[in-house]
Full PDB file with SEQRES, HELIX, SHEET, SSBOND, CRYST1, ORIGX, SCALE, CONECT and MASTER records, all heavy atoms in Angstrom:
SEQRES   1 A   29  THR GLU ASP ALA GLU ASP ILE LEU GLN GLU VAL TRP TYR          
SEQRES   2 A   29  GLN PHE SER SER LEU THR ASN LEU SER GLU ILE VAL ASN          
SEQRES   3 A   29  VAL GLY ALA                                                  
HELIX    1 AA1 GLU A    2  SER A   16  1                                  15    
HELIX    2 AA2 LEU A   21  GLU A   23  5                                   3    
CRYST1    1.000    1.000    1.000  90.00  90.00  90.00 P 1           1          
ORIGX1      1.000000  0.000000  0.000000        0.00000                         
ORIGX2      0.000000  1.000000  0.000000        0.00000                         
ORIGX3      0.000000  0.000000  1.000000        0.00000                         
SCALE1      1.000000  0.000000  0.000000        0.00000                         
SCALE2      0.000000  1.000000  0.000000        0.00000                         
SCALE3      0.000000  0.000000  1.000000        0.00000                         
ATOM      1  N   THR A   1     102.150 111.768  80.335  1.00  0.00           N  
ATOM      2  CA  THR A   1     101.428 110.841  81.164  1.00  0.00           C  
ATOM      3  C   THR A   1     102.361 109.830  81.825  1.00  0.00           C  
ATOM      4  O   THR A   1     102.132 109.407  83.005  1.00  0.00           O  
ATOM      5  CB  THR A   1     100.336 110.112  80.341  1.00  0.00           C  
ATOM      6  OG1 THR A   1      99.488 111.074  79.785  1.00  0.00           O  
ATOM      7  CG2 THR A   1      99.545 109.178  81.162  1.00  0.00           C  
ATOM      8  N   GLU A   2     103.389 109.363  81.132  1.00  0.00           N  
ATOM      9  CA  GLU A   2     104.345 108.418  81.707  1.00  0.00           C  
ATOM     10  C   GLU A   2     105.003 108.947  82.970  1.00  0.00           C  
ATOM     11  O   GLU A   2     105.169 108.222  83.955  1.00  0.00           O  
ATOM     12  CB  GLU A   2     105.373 107.953  80.664  1.00  0.00           C  
ATOM     13  CG  GLU A   2     104.798 107.160  79.519  1.00  0.00           C  
ATOM     14  CD  GLU A   2     104.101 107.984  78.475  1.00  0.00           C  
ATOM     15  OE1 GLU A   2     104.329 109.239  78.363  1.00  0.00           O  
ATOM     16  OE2 GLU A   2     103.307 107.415  77.698  1.00  0.00           O  
ATOM     17  N   ASP A   3     105.387 110.203  82.923  1.00  0.00           N  
ATOM     18  CA  ASP A   3     106.039 110.846  84.126  1.00  0.00           C  
ATOM     19  C   ASP A   3     105.015 110.894  85.267  1.00  0.00           C  
ATOM     20  O   ASP A   3     105.365 110.621  86.434  1.00  0.00           O  
ATOM     21  CB  ASP A   3     106.574 112.221  83.829  1.00  0.00           C  
ATOM     22  CG  ASP A   3     107.813 112.202  82.938  1.00  0.00           C  
ATOM     23  OD1 ASP A   3     108.449 111.121  82.825  1.00  0.00           O  
ATOM     24  OD2 ASP A   3     108.132 113.262  82.394  1.00  0.00           O  
ATOM     25  N   ALA A   4     103.801 111.258  84.964  1.00  0.00           N  
ATOM     26  CA  ALA A   4     102.713 111.338  86.007  1.00  0.00           C  
ATOM     27  C   ALA A   4     102.536 109.951  86.590  1.00  0.00           C  
ATOM     28  O   ALA A   4     102.354 109.812  87.827  1.00  0.00           O  
ATOM     29  CB  ALA A   4     101.442 111.852  85.367  1.00  0.00           C  
ATOM     30  N   GLU A   5     102.492 108.913  85.802  1.00  0.00           N  
ATOM     31  CA  GLU A   5     102.305 107.539  86.275  1.00  0.00           C  
ATOM     32  C   GLU A   5     103.440 107.122  87.151  1.00  0.00           C  
ATOM     33  O   GLU A   5     103.247 106.470  88.185  1.00  0.00           O  
ATOM     34  CB  GLU A   5     102.151 106.567  85.112  1.00  0.00           C  
ATOM     35  CG  GLU A   5     100.802 106.747  84.435  1.00  0.00           C  
ATOM     36  CD  GLU A   5     100.682 105.927  83.106  1.00  0.00           C  
ATOM     37  OE1 GLU A   5     101.752 105.396  82.605  1.00  0.00           O  
ATOM     38  OE2 GLU A   5      99.594 105.851  82.548  1.00  0.00           O  
ATOM     39  N   ASP A   6     104.700 107.503  86.793  1.00  0.00           N  
ATOM     40  CA  ASP A   6     105.846 107.166  87.642  1.00  0.00           C  
ATOM     41  C   ASP A   6     105.757 107.843  89.001  1.00  0.00           C  
ATOM     42  O   ASP A   6     106.078 107.235  90.024  1.00  0.00           O  
ATOM     43  CB  ASP A   6     107.140 107.628  86.920  1.00  0.00           C  
ATOM     44  CG  ASP A   6     107.515 106.727  85.769  1.00  0.00           C  
ATOM     45  OD1 ASP A   6     106.918 105.642  85.607  1.00  0.00           O  
ATOM     46  OD2 ASP A   6     108.387 107.153  84.945  1.00  0.00           O  
ATOM     47  N   ILE A   7     105.359 109.087  88.991  1.00  0.00           N  
ATOM     48  CA  ILE A   7     105.186 109.876  90.248  1.00  0.00           C  
ATOM     49  C   ILE A   7     104.119 109.224  91.110  1.00  0.00           C  
ATOM     50  O   ILE A   7     104.304 109.035  92.313  1.00  0.00           O  
ATOM     51  CB  ILE A   7     104.884 111.356  89.993  1.00  0.00           C  
ATOM     52  CG1 ILE A   7     106.121 112.004  89.304  1.00  0.00           C  
ATOM     53  CG2 ILE A   7     104.450 112.062  91.227  1.00  0.00           C  
ATOM     54  CD1 ILE A   7     105.860 113.405  88.745  1.00  0.00           C  
ATOM     55  N   LEU A   8     102.998 108.884  90.512  1.00  0.00           N  
ATOM     56  CA  LEU A   8     101.916 108.284  91.216  1.00  0.00           C  
ATOM     57  C   LEU A   8     102.337 106.940  91.824  1.00  0.00           C  
ATOM     58  O   LEU A   8     101.988 106.591  92.939  1.00  0.00           O  
ATOM     59  CB  LEU A   8     100.691 108.094  90.387  1.00  0.00           C  
ATOM     60  CG  LEU A   8      99.387 107.626  91.034  1.00  0.00           C  
ATOM     61  CD1 LEU A   8      98.997 108.538  92.249  1.00  0.00           C  
ATOM     62  CD2 LEU A   8      98.301 107.520  90.059  1.00  0.00           C  
ATOM     63  N   GLN A   9     103.049 106.178  91.048  1.00  0.00           N  
ATOM     64  CA  GLN A   9     103.550 104.887  91.549  1.00  0.00           C  
ATOM     65  C   GLN A   9     104.477 105.083  92.759  1.00  0.00           C  
ATOM     66  O   GLN A   9     104.374 104.314  93.732  1.00  0.00           O  
ATOM     67  CB  GLN A   9     104.346 104.153  90.418  1.00  0.00           C  
ATOM     68  CG  GLN A   9     104.827 102.791  90.884  1.00  0.00           C  
ATOM     69  CD  GLN A   9     105.499 102.068  89.749  1.00  0.00           C  
ATOM     70  OE1 GLN A   9     105.740 102.587  88.639  1.00  0.00           O  
ATOM     71  NE2 GLN A   9     105.949 100.831  90.018  1.00  0.00           N  
ATOM     72  N   GLU A  10     105.266 106.133  92.691  1.00  0.00           N  
ATOM     73  CA  GLU A  10     106.161 106.402  93.848  1.00  0.00           C  
ATOM     74  C   GLU A  10     105.342 106.785  95.073  1.00  0.00           C  
ATOM     75  O   GLU A  10     105.670 106.429  96.226  1.00  0.00           O  
ATOM     76  CB  GLU A  10     107.160 107.522  93.478  1.00  0.00           C  
ATOM     77  CG  GLU A  10     108.157 107.859  94.587  1.00  0.00           C  
ATOM     78  CD  GLU A  10     109.095 106.724  94.994  1.00  0.00           C  
ATOM     79  OE1 GLU A  10     109.304 105.765  94.236  1.00  0.00           O  
ATOM     80  OE2 GLU A  10     109.564 106.776  96.131  1.00  0.00           O  
ATOM     81  N   VAL A  11     104.265 107.577  94.846  1.00  0.00           N  
ATOM     82  CA  VAL A  11     103.404 107.946  95.970  1.00  0.00           C  
ATOM     83  C   VAL A  11     102.834 106.688  96.631  1.00  0.00           C  
ATOM     84  O   VAL A  11     102.830 106.538  97.841  1.00  0.00           O  
ATOM     85  CB  VAL A  11     102.256 108.872  95.458  1.00  0.00           C  
ATOM     86  CG1 VAL A  11     101.183 109.033  96.509  1.00  0.00           C  
ATOM     87  CG2 VAL A  11     102.805 110.247  95.072  1.00  0.00           C  
ATOM     88  N   TRP A  12     102.300 105.757  95.811  1.00  0.00           N  
ATOM     89  CA  TRP A  12     101.706 104.572  96.372  1.00  0.00           C  
ATOM     90  C   TRP A  12     102.790 103.670  97.070  1.00  0.00           C  
ATOM     91  O   TRP A  12     102.532 103.060  98.114  1.00  0.00           O  
ATOM     92  CB  TRP A  12     100.999 103.741  95.296  1.00  0.00           C  
ATOM     93  CG  TRP A  12      99.786 104.430  94.715  1.00  0.00           C  
ATOM     94  CD1 TRP A  12      99.450 104.569  93.446  1.00  0.00           C  
ATOM     95  CD2 TRP A  12      98.754 105.147  95.486  1.00  0.00           C  
ATOM     96  NE1 TRP A  12      98.298 105.282  93.288  1.00  0.00           N  
ATOM     97  CE2 TRP A  12      97.847 105.622  94.542  1.00  0.00           C  
ATOM     98  CE3 TRP A  12      98.527 105.360  96.820  1.00  0.00           C  
ATOM     99  CZ2 TRP A  12      96.673 106.370  94.898  1.00  0.00           C  
ATOM    100  CZ3 TRP A  12      97.398 106.111  97.171  1.00  0.00           C  
ATOM    101  CH2 TRP A  12      96.533 106.571  96.291  1.00  0.00           C  
ATOM    102  N   TYR A  13     103.979 103.688  96.514  1.00  0.00           N  
ATOM    103  CA  TYR A  13     105.078 102.912  97.152  1.00  0.00           C  
ATOM    104  C   TYR A  13     105.392 103.508  98.515  1.00  0.00           C  
ATOM    105  O   TYR A  13     105.476 102.765  99.516  1.00  0.00           O  
ATOM    106  CB  TYR A  13     106.296 102.871  96.247  1.00  0.00           C  
ATOM    107  CG  TYR A  13     107.471 102.232  96.952  1.00  0.00           C  
ATOM    108  CD1 TYR A  13     107.589 100.850  97.070  1.00  0.00           C  
ATOM    109  CD2 TYR A  13     108.500 103.055  97.544  1.00  0.00           C  
ATOM    110  CE1 TYR A  13     108.650 100.255  97.711  1.00  0.00           C  
ATOM    111  CE2 TYR A  13     109.541 102.406  98.204  1.00  0.00           C  
ATOM    112  CZ  TYR A  13     109.624 101.058  98.319  1.00  0.00           C  
ATOM    113  OH  TYR A  13     110.646 100.455  98.959  1.00  0.00           O  
ATOM    114  N   GLN A  14     105.515 104.809  98.591  1.00  0.00           N  
ATOM    115  CA  GLN A  14     105.807 105.456  99.902  1.00  0.00           C  
ATOM    116  C   GLN A  14     104.675 105.238 100.870  1.00  0.00           C  
ATOM    117  O   GLN A  14     104.885 104.963 102.063  1.00  0.00           O  
ATOM    118  CB  GLN A  14     106.041 106.951  99.667  1.00  0.00           C  
ATOM    119  CG  GLN A  14     107.301 107.255  98.866  1.00  0.00           C  
ATOM    120  CD  GLN A  14     108.591 106.872  99.628  1.00  0.00           C  
ATOM    121  OE1 GLN A  14     108.663 106.913 100.822  1.00  0.00           O  
ATOM    122  NE2 GLN A  14     109.562 106.426  98.890  1.00  0.00           N  
ATOM    123  N   PHE A  15     103.423 105.354 100.400  1.00  0.00           N  
ATOM    124  CA  PHE A  15     102.275 105.137 101.242  1.00  0.00           C  
ATOM    125  C   PHE A  15     102.244 103.678 101.744  1.00  0.00           C  
ATOM    126  O   PHE A  15     102.052 103.470 103.002  1.00  0.00           O  
ATOM    127  CB  PHE A  15     100.987 105.392 100.430  1.00  0.00           C  
ATOM    128  CG  PHE A  15      99.714 105.273 101.279  1.00  0.00           C  
ATOM    129  CD1 PHE A  15      99.438 106.164 102.257  1.00  0.00           C  
ATOM    130  CD2 PHE A  15      98.828 104.231 101.032  1.00  0.00           C  
ATOM    131  CE1 PHE A  15      98.284 106.066 102.983  1.00  0.00           C  
ATOM    132  CE2 PHE A  15      97.655 104.088 101.727  1.00  0.00           C  
ATOM    133  CZ  PHE A  15      97.375 105.022 102.733  1.00  0.00           C  
ATOM    134  N   SER A  16     102.557 102.721 100.931  1.00  0.00           N  
ATOM    135  CA  SER A  16     102.546 101.290 101.377  1.00  0.00           C  
ATOM    136  C   SER A  16     103.722 100.997 102.289  1.00  0.00           C  
ATOM    137  O   SER A  16     103.668 100.018 103.024  1.00  0.00           O  
ATOM    138  CB  SER A  16     102.544 100.349 100.185  1.00  0.00           C  
ATOM    139  OG  SER A  16     103.809 100.424  99.526  1.00  0.00           O  
ATOM    140  N   SER A  17     104.751 101.779 102.269  1.00  0.00           N  
ATOM    141  CA  SER A  17     105.914 101.593 103.163  1.00  0.00           C  
ATOM    142  C   SER A  17     105.735 102.149 104.556  1.00  0.00           C  
ATOM    143  O   SER A  17     106.552 101.858 105.406  1.00  0.00           O  
ATOM    144  CB  SER A  17     107.130 102.265 102.477  1.00  0.00           C  
ATOM    145  OG  SER A  17     107.435 101.682 101.272  1.00  0.00           O  
ATOM    146  N   LEU A  18     104.659 102.863 104.758  1.00  0.00           N  
ATOM    147  CA  LEU A  18     104.417 103.382 106.098  1.00  0.00           C  
ATOM    148  C   LEU A  18     104.244 102.207 107.043  1.00  0.00           C  
ATOM    149  O   LEU A  18     103.557 101.215 106.690  1.00  0.00           O  
ATOM    150  CB  LEU A  18     103.221 104.309 106.178  1.00  0.00           C  
ATOM    151  CG  LEU A  18     103.313 105.579 105.363  1.00  0.00           C  
ATOM    152  CD1 LEU A  18     101.952 106.283 105.348  1.00  0.00           C  
ATOM    153  CD2 LEU A  18     104.325 106.493 106.009  1.00  0.00           C  
ATOM    154  N   THR A  19     104.824 102.227 108.198  1.00  0.00           N  
ATOM    155  CA  THR A  19     104.735 101.118 109.162  1.00  0.00           C  
ATOM    156  C   THR A  19     103.448 101.128 109.926  1.00  0.00           C  
ATOM    157  O   THR A  19     102.961 100.085 110.393  1.00  0.00           O  
ATOM    158  CB  THR A  19     105.843 101.151 110.138  1.00  0.00           C  
ATOM    159  OG1 THR A  19     105.894 102.388 110.820  1.00  0.00           O  
ATOM    160  CG2 THR A  19     107.191 100.893 109.390  1.00  0.00           C  
ATOM    161  N   ASN A  20     102.795 102.278 110.086  1.00  0.00           N  
ATOM    162  CA  ASN A  20     101.589 102.332 110.915  1.00  0.00           C  
ATOM    163  C   ASN A  20     100.603 103.293 110.217  1.00  0.00           C  
ATOM    164  O   ASN A  20     100.602 104.475 110.487  1.00  0.00           O  
ATOM    165  CB  ASN A  20     101.935 102.823 112.312  1.00  0.00           C  
ATOM    166  CG  ASN A  20     100.694 102.653 113.232  1.00  0.00           C  
ATOM    167  OD1 ASN A  20      99.647 102.178 112.827  1.00  0.00           O  
ATOM    168  ND2 ASN A  20     100.869 102.997 114.471  1.00  0.00           N  
ATOM    169  N   LEU A  21      99.770 102.751 109.392  1.00  0.00           N  
ATOM    170  CA  LEU A  21      98.785 103.558 108.686  1.00  0.00           C  
ATOM    171  C   LEU A  21      97.782 104.234 109.586  1.00  0.00           C  
ATOM    172  O   LEU A  21      97.129 105.207 109.226  1.00  0.00           O  
ATOM    173  CB  LEU A  21      98.060 102.735 107.590  1.00  0.00           C  
ATOM    174  CG  LEU A  21      98.899 102.196 106.466  1.00  0.00           C  
ATOM    175  CD1 LEU A  21      98.036 101.387 105.521  1.00  0.00           C  
ATOM    176  CD2 LEU A  21      99.631 103.280 105.744  1.00  0.00           C  
ATOM    177  N   SER A  22      97.578 103.702 110.813  1.00  0.00           N  
ATOM    178  CA  SER A  22      96.626 104.277 111.714  1.00  0.00           C  
ATOM    179  C   SER A  22      97.049 105.672 112.193  1.00  0.00           C  
ATOM    180  O   SER A  22      96.306 106.434 112.722  1.00  0.00           O  
ATOM    181  CB  SER A  22      96.354 103.354 112.908  1.00  0.00           C  
ATOM    182  OG  SER A  22      97.567 103.204 113.609  1.00  0.00           O  
ATOM    183  N   GLU A  23      98.327 106.026 111.953  1.00  0.00           N  
ATOM    184  CA  GLU A  23      98.791 107.366 112.290  1.00  0.00           C  
ATOM    185  C   GLU A  23      98.255 108.450 111.331  1.00  0.00           C  
ATOM    186  O   GLU A  23      98.261 109.598 111.622  1.00  0.00           O  
ATOM    187  CB  GLU A  23     100.322 107.455 112.288  1.00  0.00           C  
ATOM    188  CG  GLU A  23     100.982 106.601 113.350  1.00  0.00           C  
ATOM    189  CD  GLU A  23     102.476 106.607 113.259  1.00  0.00           C  
ATOM    190  OE1 GLU A  23     103.047 107.120 112.288  1.00  0.00           O  
ATOM    191  OE2 GLU A  23     103.107 106.075 114.211  1.00  0.00           O  
ATOM    192  N   ILE A  24      97.754 108.003 110.164  1.00  0.00           N  
ATOM    193  CA  ILE A  24      97.192 108.904 109.202  1.00  0.00           C  
ATOM    194  C   ILE A  24      95.748 109.200 109.586  1.00  0.00           C  
ATOM    195  O   ILE A  24      94.911 108.303 109.606  1.00  0.00           O  
ATOM    196  CB  ILE A  24      97.251 108.302 107.770  1.00  0.00           C  
ATOM    197  CG1 ILE A  24      98.686 108.034 107.389  1.00  0.00           C  
ATOM    198  CG2 ILE A  24      96.555 109.287 106.784  1.00  0.00           C  
ATOM    199  CD1 ILE A  24      98.830 107.347 106.121  1.00  0.00           C  
ATOM    200  N   VAL A  25      95.496 110.422 109.941  1.00  0.00           N  
ATOM    201  CA  VAL A  25      94.188 110.786 110.469  1.00  0.00           C  
ATOM    202  C   VAL A  25      93.128 110.845 109.335  1.00  0.00           C  
ATOM    203  O   VAL A  25      92.072 110.270 109.445  1.00  0.00           O  
ATOM    204  CB  VAL A  25      94.222 112.157 111.203  1.00  0.00           C  
ATOM    205  CG1 VAL A  25      92.832 112.559 111.624  1.00  0.00           C  
ATOM    206  CG2 VAL A  25      95.195 112.050 112.397  1.00  0.00           C  
ATOM    207  N   ASN A  26      93.444 111.501 108.217  1.00  0.00           N  
ATOM    208  CA  ASN A  26      92.479 111.668 107.173  1.00  0.00           C  
ATOM    209  C   ASN A  26      93.212 111.637 105.815  1.00  0.00           C  
ATOM    210  O   ASN A  26      93.747 112.653 105.383  1.00  0.00           O  
ATOM    211  CB  ASN A  26      91.724 112.963 107.366  1.00  0.00           C  
ATOM    212  CG  ASN A  26      90.603 113.090 106.354  1.00  0.00           C  
ATOM    213  OD1 ASN A  26      90.446 112.302 105.438  1.00  0.00           O  
ATOM    214  ND2 ASN A  26      89.730 114.066 106.529  1.00  0.00           N  
ATOM    215  N   VAL A  27      93.230 110.525 105.194  1.00  0.00           N  
ATOM    216  CA  VAL A  27      93.877 110.307 103.905  1.00  0.00           C  
ATOM    217  C   VAL A  27      93.349 111.298 102.859  1.00  0.00           C  
ATOM    218  O   VAL A  27      94.125 111.794 102.040  1.00  0.00           O  
ATOM    219  CB  VAL A  27      93.761 108.823 103.434  1.00  0.00           C  
ATOM    220  CG1 VAL A  27      94.316 108.711 102.036  1.00  0.00           C  
ATOM    221  CG2 VAL A  27      94.463 107.918 104.416  1.00  0.00           C  
ATOM    222  N   GLY A  28      92.072 111.609 102.889  1.00  0.00           N  
ATOM    223  CA  GLY A  28      91.475 112.443 101.846  1.00  0.00           C  
ATOM    224  C   GLY A  28      91.508 113.946 102.136  1.00  0.00           C  
ATOM    225  O   GLY A  28      90.972 114.710 101.374  1.00  0.00           O  
ATOM    226  N   ALA A  29      92.093 114.371 103.201  1.00  0.00           N  
ATOM    227  CA  ALA A  29      92.131 115.758 103.566  1.00  0.00           C  
ATOM    228  C   ALA A  29      92.773 116.576 102.440  1.00  0.00           C  
ATOM    229  O   ALA A  29      93.853 116.318 102.009  1.00  0.00           O  
ATOM    230  CB  ALA A  29      92.845 116.003 104.873  1.00  0.00           C  
TER     231      ALA A  29                                                      
MASTER        0    0    0    2    0    0    0    6  230    1    0    3          
END                                                                             
């Protein structure tokens, strides 16, 4: 679980680092 949490944290970090979220058409696709 700790590795999974680390990976998920990195996903959120990368997502938050995007400069223009409006370029993402469908986050849930």
